[in-house]
Amino acid sequence: MGRGDNRSKKGKITTGSYGVSRPKKARNAKAKRA
């Protein structure tokens, strides 16, 4: 869950990559905060 963790959302923000935890397009079907 740290900034260096590439599998977490915060880690992907610091690395600048996108993935399952941080998609490029925010999908309405599965929102993290609903």
PDB file of N, CA and C in Angstrom:
ATOM      1  N   MET A   1       0.816  -1.209   0.000  1.00  0.00           N
ATOM      2  CA  MET A   1       0.000   0.000   0.000  1.00  0.00           C
ATOM      3  C   MET A   1       0.851   1.259   0.000  1.00  0.00           C
ATOM      4  N   GLY A   2       2.129   1.109  -0.219  1.00  0.00           N
ATOM      5  CA  GLY A   2       3.011   2.266  -0.198  1.00  0.00           C
ATOM      6  C   GLY A   2       3.095   2.933  -1.558  1.00  0.00           C
ATOM      7  N   ARG A   3       3.895   3.985  -1.606  1.00  0.00           N
ATOM      8  CA  ARG A   3       4.018   4.711  -2.871  1.00  0.00           C
ATOM      9  C   ARG A   3       4.813   3.914  -3.888  1.00  0.00           C
ATOM     10  N   GLY A   4       5.714   3.059  -3.405  1.00  0.00           N
ATOM     11  CA  GLY A   4       6.536   2.290  -4.336  1.00  0.00           C
ATOM     12  C   GLY A   4       5.843   1.036  -4.837  1.00  0.00           C
ATOM     13  N   ASP A   5       4.685   0.710  -4.248  1.00  0.00           N
ATOM     14  CA  ASP A   5       3.978  -0.499  -4.649  1.00  0.00           C
ATOM     15  C   ASP A   5       3.255  -0.244  -5.958  1.00  0.00           C
ATOM     16  N   ASN A   6       3.659  -0.956  -6.990  1.00  0.00           N
ATOM     17  CA  ASN A   6       3.081  -0.727  -8.314  1.00  0.00           C
ATOM     18  C   ASN A   6       1.700  -1.349  -8.451  1.00  0.00           C
ATOM     19  N   ARG A   7       1.315  -2.201  -7.503  1.00  0.00           N
ATOM     20  CA  ARG A   7       0.005  -2.849  -7.597  1.00  0.00           C
ATOM     21  C   ARG A   7      -1.082  -2.021  -6.921  1.00  0.00           C
ATOM     22  N   SER A   8      -0.684  -1.019  -6.146  1.00  0.00           N
ATOM     23  CA  SER A   8      -1.676  -0.216  -5.458  1.00  0.00           C
ATOM     24  C   SER A   8      -1.975   1.047  -6.256  1.00  0.00           C
ATOM     25  N   LYS A   9      -3.052   1.703  -5.886  1.00  0.00           N
ATOM     26  CA  LYS A   9      -3.462   2.902  -6.614  1.00  0.00           C
ATOM     27  C   LYS A   9      -2.466   4.040  -6.395  1.00  0.00           C
ATOM     28  N   LYS A  10      -1.998   4.165  -5.164  1.00  0.00           N
ATOM     29  CA  LYS A  10      -1.058   5.242  -4.852  1.00  0.00           C
ATOM     30  C   LYS A  10       0.288   5.009  -5.509  1.00  0.00           C
ATOM     31  N   GLY A  11       0.667   3.735  -5.619  1.00  0.00           N
ATOM     32  CA  GLY A  11       1.934   3.426  -6.273  1.00  0.00           C
ATOM     33  C   GLY A  11       1.874   3.695  -7.760  1.00  0.00           C
ATOM     34  N   LYS A  12       0.709   3.469  -8.363  1.00  0.00           N
ATOM     35  CA  LYS A  12       0.572   3.713  -9.789  1.00  0.00           C
ATOM     36  C   LYS A  12       0.546   5.200 -10.094  1.00  0.00           C
ATOM     37  N   ILE A  13       0.044   5.988  -9.154  1.00  0.00           N
ATOM     38  CA  ILE A  13       0.037   7.432  -9.361  1.00  0.00           C
ATOM     39  C   ILE A  13       1.465   7.973  -9.343  1.00  0.00           C
ATOM     40  N   THR A  14       2.268   7.470  -8.415  1.00  0.00           N
ATOM     41  CA  THR A  14       3.651   7.940  -8.331  1.00  0.00           C
ATOM     42  C   THR A  14       4.462   7.443  -9.514  1.00  0.00           C
ATOM     43  N   THR A  15       4.190   6.208  -9.948  1.00  0.00           N
ATOM     44  CA  THR A  15       4.929   5.677 -11.094  1.00  0.00           C
ATOM     45  C   THR A  15       4.400   6.258 -12.392  1.00  0.00           C
ATOM     46  N   GLY A  16       3.127   6.616 -12.414  1.00  0.00           N
ATOM     47  CA  GLY A  16       2.539   7.176 -13.624  1.00  0.00           C
ATOM     48  C   GLY A  16       2.006   6.102 -14.549  1.00  0.00           C
ATOM     49  N   SER A  17       1.722   4.905 -14.010  1.00  0.00           N
ATOM     50  CA  SER A  17       1.204   3.818 -14.833  1.00  0.00           C
ATOM     51  C   SER A  17      -0.261   3.589 -14.499  1.00  0.00           C
ATOM     52  N   TYR A  18      -0.916   2.877 -15.391  1.00  0.00           N
ATOM     53  CA  TYR A  18      -2.331   2.589 -15.207  1.00  0.00           C
ATOM     54  C   TYR A  18      -2.542   1.090 -15.142  1.00  0.00           C
ATOM     55  N   GLY A  19      -3.621   0.668 -14.468  1.00  0.00           N
ATOM     56  CA  GLY A  19      -3.891  -0.758 -14.351  1.00  0.00           C
ATOM     57  C   GLY A  19      -5.284  -0.999 -13.822  1.00  0.00           C
ATOM     58  N   VAL A  20      -5.460  -2.129 -13.157  1.00  0.00           N
ATOM     59  CA  VAL A  20      -6.784  -2.487 -12.650  1.00  0.00           C
ATOM     60  C   VAL A  20      -7.183  -1.566 -11.503  1.00  0.00           C
ATOM     61  N   SER A  21      -6.232  -1.286 -10.626  1.00  0.00           N
ATOM     62  CA  SER A  21      -6.547  -0.446  -9.472  1.00  0.00           C
ATOM     63  C   SER A  21      -6.606   1.023  -9.858  1.00  0.00           C
ATOM     64  N   ARG A  22      -6.019   1.355 -11.030  1.00  0.00           N
ATOM     65  CA  ARG A  22      -6.057   2.748 -11.488  1.00  0.00           C
ATOM     66  C   ARG A  22      -6.272   2.784 -12.996  1.00  0.00           C
ATOM     67  N   PRO A  23      -7.518   2.661 -13.433  1.00  0.00           N
ATOM     68  CA  PRO A  23      -7.797   2.665 -14.868  1.00  0.00           C
ATOM     69  C   PRO A  23      -7.725   4.067 -15.454  1.00  0.00           C
ATOM     70  N   LYS A  24      -7.449   4.149 -16.759  1.00  0.00           N
ATOM     71  CA  LYS A  24      -7.389   5.450 -17.415  1.00  0.00           C
ATOM     72  C   LYS A  24      -8.773   6.063 -17.516  1.00  0.00           C
ATOM     73  N   LYS A  25      -9.752   5.248 -17.860  1.00  0.00           N
ATOM     74  CA  LYS A  25     -11.131   5.727 -17.923  1.00  0.00           C
ATOM     75  C   LYS A  25     -11.874   5.239 -16.691  1.00  0.00           C
ATOM     76  N   ALA A  26     -12.474   6.160 -15.980  1.00  0.00           N
ATOM     77  CA  ALA A  26     -13.237   5.778 -14.794  1.00  0.00           C
ATOM     78  C   ALA A  26     -14.516   5.090 -15.230  1.00  0.00           C
ATOM     79  N   ARG A  27     -14.604   3.824 -14.891  1.00  0.00           N
ATOM     80  CA  ARG A  27     -15.790   3.056 -15.285  1.00  0.00           C
ATOM     81  C   ARG A  27     -16.871   3.179 -14.221  1.00  0.00           C
ATOM     82  N   ASN A  28     -18.090   3.357 -14.688  1.00  0.00           N
ATOM     83  CA  ASN A  28     -19.200   3.580 -13.770  1.00  0.00           C
ATOM     84  C   ASN A  28     -19.679   2.296 -13.122  1.00  0.00           C
ATOM     85  N   ALA A  29     -19.422   1.167 -13.771  1.00  0.00           N
ATOM     86  CA  ALA A  29     -19.937  -0.105 -13.273  1.00  0.00           C
ATOM     87  C   ALA A  29     -19.275  -0.470 -11.949  1.00  0.00           C
ATOM     88  N   LYS A  30     -17.954  -0.321 -11.904  1.00  0.00           N
ATOM     89  CA  LYS A  30     -17.241  -0.652 -10.670  1.00  0.00           C
ATOM     90  C   LYS A  30     -16.488   0.585 -10.192  1.00  0.00           C
ATOM     91  N   ALA A  31     -17.131   1.348  -9.340  1.00  0.00           N
ATOM     92  CA  ALA A  31     -16.481   2.523  -8.781  1.00  0.00           C
ATOM     93  C   ALA A  31     -15.900   2.177  -7.418  1.00  0.00           C
ATOM     94  N   LYS A  32     -14.724   2.730  -7.136  1.00  0.00           N
ATOM     95  CA  LYS A  32     -14.086   2.436  -5.856  1.00  0.00           C
ATOM     96  C   LYS A  32     -14.910   3.019  -4.717  1.00  0.00           C
ATOM     97  N   ARG A  33     -15.373   4.256  -4.877  1.00  0.00           N
ATOM     98  CA  ARG A  33     -16.191   4.868  -3.836  1.00  0.00           C
ATOM     99  C   ARG A  33     -17.587   5.079  -4.377  1.00  0.00           C
ATOM    100  N   ALA A  34     -18.516   4.285  -3.910  1.00  0.00           N
ATOM    101  CA  ALA A  34     -19.881   4.398  -4.400  1.00  0.00           C
ATOM    102  C   ALA A  34     -20.836   4.715  -3.243  1.00  0.00           C
TER     103      ALA A  34
END
